[in-house]
Structure formats: C-alpha cells, structure tokens
Amino acid sequence: MSDKENGRMTMPGAAPTDEDLRHDAELTRQELAETVNALGDKADVKARAERVAHEKAEELRAKTEELRVKGGELVDKLPEPVATRVRPVVDGAARRPVIPLAGLLALLIVLRILLKRRNG
C-alpha cells in the first residue's frame, strides 16, 4: 500500500526512500521557484504600473466610444438650434475625455473644501 497523495512510494510511518527524498526535494524546488517568481512580479513596480496604465487606457477608450455613441444619440434628440451648439462640445468631450473628467475632479475638490470649511 502506498501514499500517492504525498507522492511517497513507501508505507506511511516508514522511513523515506532515496526516491521519496528526491521527489520531496523536486517539489520544494518547484514551490520555491513559484514563490520567487511571485515575489519578482510584486517587486517589479514599473511593470505593474505599466500593466495598470494599459488597462485604464483601454477602459478610457471604451468609455470614450460609449460617450461618442450615447452623446450623439442624445444630441440628435435635441431641437436643431440647441443640437448645433451642443454637438461640438459633445464631440470634443468624446475626443478628449480627460478634459471634462479633470474639470469634474476639480469641481469635486472645490466642493469638498467648501463643505469642510462650512462644517468646521
């Protein structure tokens, strides 16, 4: 009878064979290699930052396209004189979404400062 779950070829409680020890050493090497790789990935801040920046850029592109589509649909529902004036703003926001987002962020910061002052 052998203990296959642990990778041992001997009976439980019996002294390990040389093959068992080699197998245990190989498993330990594999676990150590995985741990070192994981620590290396965590320590590589530049690569992680680039990966996050790439993900955020993709999200921003998707949101930009969504804004372009939904914004165009909303503008089309407006009366023609209003749509004529609003369409360039919506198109500009769709091309450069950072500008309206930065404006919104600035507005939120100002509101927070004002509310802090008011509440003492």
PDB file of N, CA and C in Angstrom:
ATOM      1  N   MET A   1       0.856  -1.182   0.000  1.00  0.00           N
ATOM      2  CA  MET A   1       0.000   0.000   0.000  1.00  0.00           C
ATOM      3  C   MET A   1       0.900   1.243   0.000  1.00  0.00           C
ATOM      4  N   SER A   2       0.610   2.223  -0.875  1.00  0.00           N
ATOM      5  CA  SER A   2       1.449   3.417  -0.954  1.00  0.00           C
ATOM      6  C   SER A   2       0.617   4.665  -0.702  1.00  0.00           C
ATOM      7  N   ASP A   3       1.302   5.731  -0.358  1.00  0.00           N
ATOM      8  CA  ASP A   3       0.648   7.004  -0.063  1.00  0.00           C
ATOM      9  C   ASP A   3       0.831   7.915  -1.278  1.00  0.00           C
ATOM     10  N   LYS A   4      -0.036   7.783  -2.290  1.00  0.00           N
ATOM     11  CA  LYS A   4       0.091   8.535  -3.532  1.00  0.00           C
ATOM     12  C   LYS A   4      -0.198  10.019  -3.360  1.00  0.00           C
ATOM     13  N   GLU A   5      -1.014  10.418  -2.382  1.00  0.00           N
ATOM     14  CA  GLU A   5      -1.361  11.830  -2.199  1.00  0.00           C
ATOM     15  C   GLU A   5      -0.128  12.657  -1.884  1.00  0.00           C
ATOM     16  N   ASN A   6       0.796  12.125  -1.115  1.00  0.00           N
ATOM     17  CA  ASN A   6       2.010  12.864  -0.761  1.00  0.00           C
ATOM     18  C   ASN A   6       3.134  12.606  -1.750  1.00  0.00           C
ATOM     19  N   GLY A   7       2.899  11.729  -2.721  1.00  0.00           N
ATOM     20  CA  GLY A   7       3.937  11.404  -3.673  1.00  0.00           C
ATOM     21  C   GLY A   7       4.916  10.388  -3.124  1.00  0.00           C
ATOM     22  N   ARG A   8       4.650   9.819  -1.979  1.00  0.00           N
ATOM     23  CA  ARG A   8       5.551   8.831  -1.371  1.00  0.00           C
ATOM     24  C   ARG A   8       5.238   7.455  -1.912  1.00  0.00           C
ATOM     25  N   MET A   9       6.284   6.678  -2.034  1.00  0.00           N
ATOM     26  CA  MET A   9       6.134   5.322  -2.527  1.00  0.00           C
ATOM     27  C   MET A   9       6.171   4.304  -1.384  1.00  0.00           C
ATOM     28  N   THR A  10       6.466   4.744  -0.181  1.00  0.00           N
ATOM     29  CA  THR A  10       6.579   3.829   0.956  1.00  0.00           C
ATOM     30  C   THR A  10       5.327   3.893   1.802  1.00  0.00           C
ATOM     31  N   MET A  11       5.259   3.013   2.733  1.00  0.00           N
ATOM     32  CA  MET A  11       4.136   2.957   3.660  1.00  0.00           C
ATOM     33  C   MET A  11       4.202   4.163   4.603  1.00  0.00           C
ATOM     34  N   PRO A  12       3.042   4.689   4.993  1.00  0.00           N
ATOM     35  CA  PRO A  12       3.062   5.774   5.979  1.00  0.00           C
ATOM     36  C   PRO A  12       3.735   5.307   7.260  1.00  0.00           C
ATOM     37  N   GLY A  13       4.568   6.156   7.794  1.00  0.00           N
ATOM     38  CA  GLY A  13       5.280   5.837   9.030  1.00  0.00           C
ATOM     39  C   GLY A  13       6.602   5.157   8.788  1.00  0.00           C
ATOM     40  N   ALA A  14       6.850   4.664   7.585  1.00  0.00           N
ATOM     41  CA  ALA A  14       8.120   4.007   7.268  1.00  0.00           C
ATOM     42  C   ALA A  14       9.146   5.072   6.910  1.00  0.00           C
ATOM     43  N   ALA A  15      10.381   4.731   6.989  1.00  0.00           N
ATOM     44  CA  ALA A  15      11.462   5.660   6.650  1.00  0.00           C
ATOM     45  C   ALA A  15      11.398   5.959   5.153  1.00  0.00           C
ATOM     46  N   PRO A  16      11.596   7.227   4.756  1.00  0.00           N
ATOM     47  CA  PRO A  16      11.527   7.570   3.336  1.00  0.00           C
ATOM     48  C   PRO A  16      12.695   6.971   2.565  1.00  0.00           C
ATOM     49  N   THR A  17      12.422   6.621   1.342  1.00  0.00           N
ATOM     50  CA  THR A  17      13.475   6.081   0.478  1.00  0.00           C
ATOM     51  C   THR A  17      14.206   7.238  -0.190  1.00  0.00           C
ATOM     52  N   ASP A  18      15.296   6.917  -0.867  1.00  0.00           N
ATOM     53  CA  ASP A  18      16.041   7.948  -1.601  1.00  0.00           C
ATOM     54  C   ASP A  18      15.152   8.582  -2.674  1.00  0.00           C
ATOM     55  N   GLU A  19      14.329   7.776  -3.309  1.00  0.00           N
ATOM     56  CA  GLU A  19      13.425   8.291  -4.335  1.00  0.00           C
ATOM     57  C   GLU A  19      12.422   9.272  -3.725  1.00  0.00           C
ATOM     58  N   ASP A  20      11.918   8.939  -2.521  1.00  0.00           N
ATOM     59  CA  ASP A  20      10.998   9.844  -1.834  1.00  0.00           C
ATOM     60  C   ASP A  20      11.674  11.178  -1.534  1.00  0.00           C
ATOM     61  N   LEU A  21      12.910  11.109  -1.073  1.00  0.00           N
ATOM     62  CA  LEU A  21      13.643  12.341  -0.741  1.00  0.00           C
ATOM     63  C   LEU A  21      13.898  13.182  -1.995  1.00  0.00           C
ATOM     64  N   ARG A  22      14.250  12.543  -3.113  1.00  0.00           N
ATOM     65  CA  ARG A  22      14.461  13.275  -4.368  1.00  0.00           C
ATOM     66  C   ARG A  22      13.155  13.934  -4.826  1.00  0.00           C
ATOM     67  N   HIS A  23      12.078  13.184  -4.699  1.00  0.00           N
ATOM     68  CA  HIS A  23      10.773  13.714  -5.088  1.00  0.00           C
ATOM     69  C   HIS A  23      10.404  14.926  -4.222  1.00  0.00           C
ATOM     70  N   ASP A  24      10.608  14.808  -2.903  1.00  0.00           N
ATOM     71  CA  ASP A  24      10.331  15.929  -1.995  1.00  0.00           C
ATOM     72  C   ASP A  24      11.203  17.137  -2.323  1.00  0.00           C
ATOM     73  N   ALA A  25      12.474  16.888  -2.648  1.00  0.00           N
ATOM     74  CA  ALA A  25      13.380  17.986  -2.994  1.00  0.00           C
ATOM     75  C   ALA A  25      12.908  18.674  -4.279  1.00  0.00           C
ATOM     76  N   GLU A  26      12.457  17.901  -5.254  1.00  0.00           N
ATOM     77  CA  GLU A  26      11.978  18.477  -6.513  1.00  0.00           C
ATOM     78  C   GLU A  26      10.719  19.311  -6.276  1.00  0.00           C
ATOM     79  N   LEU A  27       9.797  18.805  -5.465  1.00  0.00           N
ATOM     80  CA  LEU A  27       8.596  19.578  -5.139  1.00  0.00           C
ATOM     81  C   LEU A  27       8.953  20.877  -4.428  1.00  0.00           C
ATOM     82  N   THR A  28       9.911  20.811  -3.510  1.00  0.00           N
ATOM     83  CA  THR A  28      10.341  22.012  -2.790  1.00  0.00           C
ATOM     84  C   THR A  28      10.958  23.020  -3.748  1.00  0.00           C
ATOM     85  N   ARG A  29      11.776  22.547  -4.719  1.00  0.00           N
ATOM     86  CA  ARG A  29      12.369  23.436  -5.720  1.00  0.00           C
ATOM     87  C   ARG A  29      11.291  24.118  -6.555  1.00  0.00           C
ATOM     88  N   GLN A  30      10.283  23.364  -6.955  1.00  0.00           N
ATOM     89  CA  GLN A  30       9.199  23.939  -7.749  1.00  0.00           C
ATOM     90  C   GLN A  30       8.439  24.999  -6.960  1.00  0.00           C
ATOM     91  N   GLU A  31       8.128  24.700  -5.698  1.00  0.00           N
ATOM     92  CA  GLU A  31       7.419  25.675  -4.862  1.00  0.00           C
ATOM     93  C   GLU A  31       8.261  26.920  -4.651  1.00  0.00           C
ATOM     94  N   LEU A  32       9.549  26.734  -4.445  1.00  0.00           N
ATOM     95  CA  LEU A  32      10.447  27.869  -4.251  1.00  0.00           C
ATOM     96  C   LEU A  32      10.523  28.717  -5.516  1.00  0.00           C
ATOM     97  N   ALA A  33      10.577  28.080  -6.677  1.00  0.00           N
ATOM     98  CA  ALA A  33      10.621  28.817  -7.942  1.00  0.00           C
ATOM     99  C   ALA A  33       9.344  29.633  -8.131  1.00  0.00           C
ATOM    100  N   GLU A  34       8.204  29.034  -7.804  1.00  0.00           N
ATOM    101  CA  GLU A  34       6.935  29.765  -7.908  1.00  0.00           C
ATOM    102  C   GLU A  34       6.904  30.957  -6.954  1.00  0.00           C
ATOM    103  N   THR A  35       7.405  30.759  -5.748  1.00  0.00           N
ATOM    104  CA  THR A  35       7.435  31.843  -4.763  1.00  0.00           C
ATOM    105  C   THR A  35       8.352  32.972  -5.221  1.00  0.00           C
ATOM    106  N   VAL A  36       9.517  32.622  -5.746  1.00  0.00           N
ATOM    107  CA  VAL A  36      10.463  33.636  -6.224  1.00  0.00           C
ATOM    108  C   VAL A  36       9.854  34.409  -7.397  1.00  0.00           C
ATOM    109  N   ASN A  37       9.186  33.701  -8.302  1.00  0.00           N
ATOM    110  CA  ASN A  37       8.536  34.387  -9.432  1.00  0.00           C
ATOM    111  C   ASN A  37       7.448  35.336  -8.947  1.00  0.00           C
ATOM    112  N   ALA A  38       6.654  34.898  -7.979  1.00  0.00           N
ATOM    113  CA  ALA A  38       5.591  35.752  -7.448  1.00  0.00           C
ATOM    114  C   ALA A  38       6.178  36.988  -6.776  1.00  0.00           C
ATOM    115  N   LEU A  39       7.235  36.799  -6.006  1.00  0.00           N
ATOM    116  CA  LEU A  39       7.877  37.945  -5.348  1.00  0.00           C
ATOM    117  C   LEU A  39       8.501  38.881  -6.385  1.00  0.00           C
ATOM    118  N   GLY A  40       9.083  38.306  -7.435  1.00  0.00           N
ATOM    119  CA  GLY A  40       9.652  39.131  -8.505  1.00  0.00           C
ATOM    120  C   GLY A  40       8.586  39.974  -9.189  1.00  0.00           C
ATOM    121  N   ASP A  41       7.417  39.365  -9.427  1.00  0.00           N
ATOM    122  CA  ASP A  41       6.316  40.119 -10.041  1.00  0.00           C
ATOM    123  C   ASP A  41       5.854  41.247  -9.130  1.00  0.00           C
ATOM    124  N   LYS A  42       5.778  40.982  -7.833  1.00  0.00           N
ATOM    125  CA  LYS A  42       5.355  42.030  -6.893  1.00  0.00           C
ATOM    126  C   LYS A  42       6.394  43.138  -6.795  1.00  0.00           C
ATOM    127  N   ALA A  43       7.654  42.793  -6.909  1.00  0.00           N
ATOM    128  CA  ALA A  43       8.720  43.782  -6.770  1.00  0.00           C
ATOM    129  C   ALA A  43       8.884  44.621  -8.035  1.00  0.00           C
ATOM    130  N   ASP A  44       8.400  44.152  -9.162  1.00  0.00           N
ATOM    131  CA  ASP A  44       8.547  44.883 -10.418  1.00  0.00           C
ATOM    132  C   ASP A  44       7.433  45.931 -10.530  1.00  0.00           C
ATOM    133  N   VAL A  45       7.627  47.021  -9.819  1.00  0.00           N
ATOM    134  CA  VAL A  45       6.619  48.073  -9.745  1.00  0.00           C
ATOM    135  C   VAL A  45       6.390  48.712 -11.117  1.00  0.00           C
ATOM    136  N   LYS A  46       7.450  48.889 -11.875  1.00  0.00           N
ATOM    137  CA  LYS A  46       7.320  49.521 -13.188  1.00  0.00           C
ATOM    138  C   LYS A  46       6.403  48.697 -14.092  1.00  0.00           C
ATOM    139  N   ALA A  47       6.607  47.395 -14.134  1.00  0.00           N
ATOM    140  CA  ALA A  47       5.778  46.539 -14.988  1.00  0.00           C
ATOM    141  C   ALA A  47       4.327  46.538 -14.508  1.00  0.00           C
ATOM    142  N   ARG A  48       4.138  46.508 -13.196  1.00  0.00           N
ATOM    143  CA  ARG A  48       2.773  46.541 -12.662  1.00  0.00           C
ATOM    144  C   ARG A  48       2.102  47.860 -13.011  1.00  0.00           C
ATOM    145  N   ALA A  49       2.833  48.966 -12.875  1.00  0.00           N
ATOM    146  CA  ALA A  49       2.270  50.280 -13.193  1.00  0.00           C
ATOM    147  C   ALA A  49       1.930  50.376 -14.678  1.00  0.00           C
ATOM    148  N   GLU A  50       2.799  49.841 -15.531  1.00  0.00           N
ATOM    149  CA  GLU A  50       2.514  49.856 -16.966  1.00  0.00           C
ATOM    150  C   GLU A  50       1.284  49.013 -17.288  1.00  0.00           C
ATOM    151  N   ARG A  51       1.161  47.869 -16.619  1.00  0.00           N
ATOM    152  CA  ARG A  51       0.009  46.999 -16.844  1.00  0.00           C
ATOM    153  C   ARG A  51      -1.282  47.699 -16.426  1.00  0.00           C
ATOM    154  N   VAL A  52      -1.260  48.349 -15.259  1.00  0.00           N
ATOM    155  CA  VAL A  52      -2.447  49.069 -14.788  1.00  0.00           C
ATOM    156  C   VAL A  52      -2.762  50.241 -15.713  1.00  0.00           C
ATOM    157  N   ALA A  53      -1.733  50.966 -16.143  1.00  0.00           N
ATOM    158  CA  ALA A  53      -1.945  52.099 -17.051  1.00  0.00           C
ATOM    159  C   ALA A  53      -2.556  51.622 -18.367  1.00  0.00           C
ATOM    160  N   HIS A  54      -2.086  50.498 -18.862  1.00  0.00           N
ATOM    161  CA  HIS A  54      -2.631  49.949 -20.108  1.00  0.00           C
ATOM    162  C   HIS A  54      -4.101  49.566 -19.920  1.00  0.00           C
ATOM    163  N   GLU A  55      -4.414  48.929 -18.792  1.00  0.00           N
ATOM    164  CA  GLU A  55      -5.809  48.548 -18.519  1.00  0.00           C
ATOM    165  C   GLU A  55      -6.702  49.783 -18.433  1.00  0.00           C
ATOM    166  N   LYS A  56      -6.219  50.811 -17.740  1.00  0.00           N
ATOM    167  CA  LYS A  56      -7.010  52.040 -17.593  1.00  0.00           C
ATOM    168  C   LYS A  56      -7.184  52.738 -18.938  1.00  0.00           C
ATOM    169  N   ALA A  57      -6.148  52.710 -19.773  1.00  0.00           N
ATOM    170  CA  ALA A  57      -6.252  53.324 -21.100  1.00  0.00           C
ATOM    171  C   ALA A  57      -7.305  52.598 -21.932  1.00  0.00           C
ATOM    172  N   GLU A  58      -7.332  51.278 -21.836  1.00  0.00           N
ATOM    173  CA  GLU A  58      -8.343  50.507 -22.565  1.00  0.00           C
ATOM    174  C   GLU A  58      -9.742  50.845 -22.064  1.00  0.00           C
ATOM    175  N   GLU A  59      -9.895  50.957 -20.738  1.00  0.00           N
ATOM    176  CA  GLU A  59     -11.193  51.335 -20.169  1.00  0.00           C
ATOM    177  C   GLU A  59     -11.609  52.719 -20.665  1.00  0.00           C
ATOM    178  N   LEU A  60     -10.646  53.653 -20.699  1.00  0.00           N
ATOM    179  CA  LEU A  60     -10.928  55.011 -21.145  1.00  0.00           C
ATOM    180  C   LEU A  60     -11.337  55.031 -22.618  1.00  0.00           C
ATOM    181  N   ARG A  61     -10.678  54.216 -23.442  1.00  0.00           N
ATOM    182  CA  ARG A  61     -11.061  54.138 -24.850  1.00  0.00           C
ATOM    183  C   ARG A  61     -12.493  53.619 -24.999  1.00  0.00           C
ATOM    184  N   ALA A  62     -12.823  52.607 -24.206  1.00  0.00           N
ATOM    185  CA  ALA A  62     -14.180  52.044 -24.266  1.00  0.00           C
ATOM    186  C   ALA A  62     -15.202  53.083 -23.827  1.00  0.00           C
ATOM    187  N   LYS A  63     -14.895  53.806 -22.753  1.00  0.00           N
ATOM    188  CA  LYS A  63     -15.809  54.839 -22.262  1.00  0.00           C
ATOM    189  C   LYS A  63     -15.931  55.971 -23.278  1.00  0.00           C
ATOM    190  N   THR A  64     -14.824  56.305 -23.945  1.00  0.00           N
ATOM    191  CA  THR A  64     -14.852  57.354 -24.961  1.00  0.00           C
ATOM    192  C   THR A  64     -15.789  56.967 -26.093  1.00  0.00           C
ATOM    193  N   GLU A  65     -15.679  55.735 -26.539  1.00  0.00           N
ATOM    194  CA  GLU A  65     -16.550  55.273 -27.622  1.00  0.00           C
ATOM    195  C   GLU A  65     -18.009  55.272 -27.165  1.00  0.00           C
ATOM    196  N   GLU A  66     -18.232  54.856 -25.928  1.00  0.00           N
ATOM    197  CA  GLU A  66     -19.600  54.863 -25.380  1.00  0.00           C
ATOM    198  C   GLU A  66     -20.144  56.289 -25.314  1.00  0.00           C
ATOM    199  N   LEU A  67     -19.305  57.231 -24.879  1.00  0.00           N
ATOM    200  CA  LEU A  67     -19.718  58.638 -24.814  1.00  0.00           C
ATOM    201  C   LEU A  67     -20.025  59.169 -26.208  1.00  0.00           C
ATOM    202  N   ARG A  68     -19.191  58.791 -27.168  1.00  0.00           N
ATOM    203  CA  ARG A  68     -19.401  59.261 -28.537  1.00  0.00           C
ATOM    204  C   ARG A  68     -20.750  58.765 -29.068  1.00  0.00           C
ATOM    205  N   VAL A  69     -21.050  57.497 -28.827  1.00  0.00           N
ATOM    206  CA  VAL A  69     -22.300  56.923 -29.325  1.00  0.00           C
ATOM    207  C   VAL A  69     -23.500  57.497 -28.579  1.00  0.00           C
ATOM    208  N   LYS A  70     -23.441  57.436 -27.243  1.00  0.00           N
ATOM    209  CA  LYS A  70     -24.581  57.924 -26.456  1.00  0.00           C
ATOM    210  C   LYS A  70     -24.739  59.432 -26.588  1.00  0.00           C
ATOM    211  N   GLY A  71     -23.620  60.152 -26.609  1.00  0.00           N
ATOM    212  CA  GLY A  71     -23.687  61.599 -26.755  1.00  0.00           C
ATOM    213  C   GLY A  71     -24.298  61.998 -28.071  1.00  0.00           C
ATOM    214  N   GLY A  72     -23.919  61.283 -29.135  1.00  0.00           N
ATOM    215  CA  GLY A  72     -24.505  61.559 -30.446  1.00  0.00           C
ATOM    216  C   GLY A  72     -25.991  61.284 -30.463  1.00  0.00           C
ATOM    217  N   GLU A  73     -26.409  60.204 -29.803  1.00  0.00           N
ATOM    218  CA  GLU A  73     -27.834  59.882 -29.738  1.00  0.00           C
ATOM    219  C   GLU A  73     -28.605  60.960 -28.978  1.00  0.00           C
ATOM    220  N   LEU A  74     -28.025  61.435 -27.883  1.00  0.00           N
ATOM    221  CA  LEU A  74     -28.694  62.465 -27.091  1.00  0.00           C
ATOM    222  C   LEU A  74     -28.778  63.789 -27.850  1.00  0.00           C
ATOM    223  N   VAL A  75     -27.696  64.128 -28.525  1.00  0.00           N
ATOM    224  CA  VAL A  75     -27.682  65.377 -29.285  1.00  0.00           C
ATOM    225  C   VAL A  75     -28.718  65.314 -30.397  1.00  0.00           C
ATOM    226  N   ASP A  76     -28.864  64.159 -31.032  1.00  0.00           N
ATOM    227  CA  ASP A  76     -29.834  64.017 -32.122  1.00  0.00           C
ATOM    228  C   ASP A  76     -31.269  64.213 -31.633  1.00  0.00           C
ATOM    229  N   LYS A  77     -31.525  63.994 -30.358  1.00  0.00           N
ATOM    230  CA  LYS A  77     -32.882  64.152 -29.813  1.00  0.00           C
ATOM    231  C   LYS A  77     -33.211  65.609 -29.482  1.00  0.00           C
ATOM    232  N   LEU A  78     -32.180  66.450 -29.423  1.00  0.00           N
ATOM    233  CA  LEU A  78     -32.391  67.855 -29.082  1.00  0.00           C
ATOM    234  C   LEU A  78     -32.947  68.616 -30.282  1.00  0.00           C
ATOM    235  N   PRO A  79     -33.619  69.752 -30.021  1.00  0.00           N
ATOM    236  CA  PRO A  79     -34.046  70.604 -31.144  1.00  0.00           C
ATOM    237  C   PRO A  79     -32.817  71.078 -31.926  1.00  0.00           C
ATOM    238  N   GLU A  80     -32.972  71.309 -33.221  1.00  0.00           N
ATOM    239  CA  GLU A  80     -31.841  71.607 -34.102  1.00  0.00           C
ATOM    240  C   GLU A  80     -31.003  72.806 -33.657  1.00  0.00           C
ATOM    241  N   PRO A  81     -31.598  73.928 -33.215  1.00  0.00           N
ATOM    242  CA  PRO A  81     -30.734  75.048 -32.803  1.00  0.00           C
ATOM    243  C   PRO A  81     -29.867  74.699 -31.589  1.00  0.00           C
ATOM    244  N   VAL A  82     -30.422  73.929 -30.676  1.00  0.00           N
ATOM    245  CA  VAL A  82     -29.666  73.532 -29.478  1.00  0.00           C
ATOM    246  C   VAL A  82     -28.611  72.489 -29.865  1.00  0.00           C
ATOM    247  N   ALA A  83     -29.006  71.530 -30.682  1.00  0.00           N
ATOM    248  CA  ALA A  83     -28.081  70.472 -31.100  1.00  0.00           C
ATOM    249  C   ALA A  83     -26.871  71.049 -31.822  1.00  0.00           C
ATOM    250  N   THR A  84     -27.082  72.096 -32.610  1.00  0.00           N
ATOM    251  CA  THR A  84     -25.983  72.725 -33.339  1.00  0.00           C
ATOM    252  C   THR A  84     -24.942  73.286 -32.383  1.00  0.00           C
ATOM    253  N   ARG A  85     -25.378  73.822 -31.265  1.00  0.00           N
ATOM    254  CA  ARG A  85     -24.442  74.399 -30.295  1.00  0.00           C
ATOM    255  C   ARG A  85     -23.833  73.342 -29.372  1.00  0.00           C
ATOM    256  N   VAL A  86     -24.577  72.284 -29.086  1.00  0.00           N
ATOM    257  CA  VAL A  86     -24.113  71.263 -28.140  1.00  0.00           C
ATOM    258  C   VAL A  86     -23.198  70.233 -28.808  1.00  0.00           C
ATOM    259  N   ARG A  87     -23.426  69.955 -30.102  1.00  0.00           N
ATOM    260  CA  ARG A  87     -22.675  68.903 -30.791  1.00  0.00           C
ATOM    261  C   ARG A  87     -21.153  69.105 -30.706  1.00  0.00           C
ATOM    262  N   PRO A  88     -20.604  70.322 -30.913  1.00  0.00           N
ATOM    263  CA  PRO A  88     -19.140  70.470 -30.797  1.00  0.00           C
ATOM    264  C   PRO A  88     -18.619  70.171 -29.390  1.00  0.00           C
ATOM    265  N   VAL A  89     -19.399  70.490 -28.382  1.00  0.00           N
ATOM    266  CA  VAL A  89     -18.973  70.219 -27.005  1.00  0.00           C
ATOM    267  C   VAL A  89     -18.924  68.713 -26.761  1.00  0.00           C
ATOM    268  N   VAL A  90     -19.957  68.013 -27.198  1.00  0.00           N
ATOM    269  CA  VAL A  90     -20.002  66.566 -27.015  1.00  0.00           C
ATOM    270  C   VAL A  90     -18.894  65.893 -27.812  1.00  0.00           C
ATOM    271  N   ASP A  91     -18.671  66.324 -29.036  1.00  0.00           N
ATOM    272  CA  ASP A  91     -17.598  65.749 -29.854  1.00  0.00           C
ATOM    273  C   ASP A  91     -16.234  65.995 -29.217  1.00  0.00           C
ATOM    274  N   GLY A  92     -16.021  67.190 -28.692  1.00  0.00           N
ATOM    275  CA  GLY A  92     -14.753  67.499 -28.023  1.00  0.00           C
ATOM    276  C   GLY A  92     -14.554  66.651 -26.778  1.00  0.00           C
ATOM    277  N   ALA A  93     -15.619  66.465 -26.017  1.00  0.00           N
ATOM    278  CA  ALA A  93     -15.522  65.635 -24.813  1.00  0.00           C
ATOM    279  C   ALA A  93     -15.259  64.184 -25.185  1.00  0.00           C
ATOM    280  N   ALA A  94     -15.805  63.739 -26.299  1.00  0.00           N
ATOM    281  CA  ALA A  94     -15.580  62.361 -26.730  1.00  0.00           C
ATOM    282  C   ALA A  94     -14.152  62.164 -27.230  1.00  0.00           C
ATOM    283  N   ARG A  95     -13.589  63.179 -27.882  1.00  0.00           N
ATOM    284  CA  ARG A  95     -12.216  63.069 -28.372  1.00  0.00           C
ATOM    285  C   ARG A  95     -11.204  63.173 -27.244  1.00  0.00           C
ATOM    286  N   ARG A  96     -11.476  64.038 -26.290  1.00  0.00           N
ATOM    287  CA  ARG A  96     -10.551  64.256 -25.170  1.00  0.00           C
ATOM    288  C   ARG A  96     -11.316  64.161 -23.853  1.00  0.00           C
ATOM    289  N   PRO A  97     -11.628  62.958 -23.401  1.00  0.00           N
ATOM    290  CA  PRO A  97     -12.431  62.812 -22.186  1.00  0.00           C
ATOM    291  C   PRO A  97     -11.689  63.236 -20.922  1.00  0.00           C
ATOM    292  N   VAL A  98     -10.390  63.388 -21.004  1.00  0.00           N
ATOM    293  CA  VAL A  98      -9.625  63.772 -19.826  1.00  0.00           C
ATOM    294  C   VAL A  98      -9.993  65.190 -19.378  1.00  0.00           C
ATOM    295  N   ILE A  99     -10.268  66.052 -20.338  1.00  0.00           N
ATOM    296  CA  ILE A  99     -10.574  67.449 -20.003  1.00  0.00           C
ATOM    297  C   ILE A  99     -11.847  67.556 -19.173  1.00  0.00           C
ATOM    298  N   PRO A 100     -12.977  66.972 -19.594  1.00  0.00           N
ATOM    299  CA  PRO A 100     -14.161  67.062 -18.732  1.00  0.00           C
ATOM    300  C   PRO A 100     -13.988  66.309 -17.417  1.00  0.00           C
ATOM    301  N   LEU A 101     -13.247  65.201 -17.448  1.00  0.00           N
ATOM    302  CA  LEU A 101     -13.013  64.469 -16.199  1.00  0.00           C
ATOM    303  C   LEU A 101     -12.174  65.300 -15.230  1.00  0.00           C
ATOM    304  N   ALA A 102     -11.181  65.994 -15.749  1.00  0.00           N
ATOM    305  CA  ALA A 102     -10.355  66.855 -14.901  1.00  0.00           C
ATOM    306  C   ALA A 102     -11.193  67.998 -14.328  1.00  0.00           C
ATOM    307  N   GLY A 103     -12.075  68.557 -15.149  1.00  0.00           N
ATOM    308  CA  GLY A 103     -12.960  69.622 -14.667  1.00  0.00           C
ATOM    309  C   GLY A 103     -13.892  69.120 -13.579  1.00  0.00           C
ATOM    310  N   LEU A 104     -14.429  67.922 -13.761  1.00  0.00           N
ATOM    311  CA  LEU A 104     -15.300  67.335 -12.749  1.00  0.00           C
ATOM    312  C   LEU A 104     -14.539  67.067 -11.463  1.00  0.00           C
ATOM    313  N   LEU A 105     -13.322  66.558 -11.581  1.00  0.00           N
ATOM    314  CA  LEU A 105     -12.495  66.313 -10.403  1.00  0.00           C
ATOM    315  C   LEU A 105     -12.199  67.619  -9.660  1.00  0.00           C
ATOM    316  N   ALA A 106     -11.863  68.660 -10.402  1.00  0.00           N
ATOM    317  CA  ALA A 106     -11.592  69.958  -9.777  1.00  0.00           C
ATOM    318  C   ALA A 106     -12.834  70.485  -9.060  1.00  0.00           C
ATOM    319  N   LEU A 107     -13.987  70.335  -9.688  1.00  0.00           N
ATOM    320  CA  LEU A 107     -15.237  70.779  -9.061  1.00  0.00           C
ATOM    321  C   LEU A 107     -15.498  70.013  -7.768  1.00  0.00           C
ATOM    322  N   LEU A 108     -15.278  68.710  -7.786  1.00  0.00           N
ATOM    323  CA  LEU A 108     -15.489  67.904  -6.576  1.00  0.00           C
ATOM    324  C   LEU A 108     -14.525  68.304  -5.461  1.00  0.00           C
ATOM    325  N   ILE A 109     -13.288  68.603  -5.816  1.00  0.00           N
ATOM    326  CA  ILE A 109     -12.310  69.037  -4.810  1.00  0.00           C
ATOM    327  C   ILE A 109     -12.735  70.366  -4.201  1.00  0.00           C
ATOM    328  N   VAL A 110     -13.154  71.300  -5.028  1.00  0.00           N
ATOM    329  CA  VAL A 110     -13.602  72.608  -4.523  1.00  0.00           C
ATOM    330  C   VAL A 110     -14.815  72.430  -3.619  1.00  0.00           C
ATOM    331  N   LEU A 111     -15.760  71.607  -4.027  1.00  0.00           N
ATOM    332  CA  LEU A 111     -16.945  71.365  -3.188  1.00  0.00           C
ATOM    333  C   LEU A 111     -16.567  70.741  -1.856  1.00  0.00           C
ATOM    334  N   ARG A 112     -15.649  69.810  -1.875  1.00  0.00           N
ATOM    335  CA  ARG A 112     -15.224  69.181  -0.619  1.00  0.00           C
ATOM    336  C   ARG A 112     -14.562  70.195   0.310  1.00  0.00           C
ATOM    337  N   ILE A 113     -13.711  71.046  -0.249  1.00  0.00           N
ATOM    338  CA  ILE A 113     -13.052  72.076   0.569  1.00  0.00           C
ATOM    339  C   ILE A 113     -14.102  73.012   1.165  1.00  0.00           C
ATOM    340  N   LEU A 114     -15.061  73.429   0.345  1.00  0.00           N
ATOM    341  CA  LEU A 114     -16.105  74.342   0.841  1.00  0.00           C
ATOM    342  C   LEU A 114     -16.946  73.670   1.938  1.00  0.00           C
ATOM    343  N   LEU A 115     -17.285  72.420   1.758  1.00  0.00           N
ATOM    344  CA  LEU A 115     -18.076  71.716   2.768  1.00  0.00           C
ATOM    345  C   LEU A 115     -17.283  71.518   4.060  1.00  0.00           C
ATOM    346  N   LYS A 116     -15.984  71.268   3.954  1.00  0.00           N
ATOM    347  CA  LYS A 116     -15.154  71.134   5.152  1.00  0.00           C
ATOM    348  C   LYS A 116     -15.124  72.451   5.935  1.00  0.00           C
ATOM    349  N   ARG A 117     -14.973  73.541   5.210  1.00  0.00           N
ATOM    350  CA  ARG A 117     -14.942  74.855   5.869  1.00  0.00           C
ATOM    351  C   ARG A 117     -16.268  75.177   6.529  1.00  0.00           C
ATOM    352  N   ARG A 118     -17.348  74.838   5.854  1.00  0.00           N
ATOM    353  CA  ARG A 118     -18.669  75.125   6.388  1.00  0.00           C
ATOM    354  C   ARG A 118     -18.955  74.323   7.666  1.00  0.00           C
ATOM    355  N   ASN A 119     -18.543  73.038   7.660  1.00  0.00           N
ATOM    356  CA  ASN A 119     -18.799  72.178   8.804  1.00  0.00           C
ATOM    357  C   ASN A 119     -17.766  72.341   9.895  1.00  0.00           C
ATOM    358  N   GLY A 120     -16.756  73.107   9.628  1.00  0.00           N
ATOM    359  CA  GLY A 120     -15.779  73.457  10.648  1.00  0.00           C
ATOM    360  C   GLY A 120     -14.799  72.395  10.867  1.00  0.00           C
TER     361      GLY A 120
END
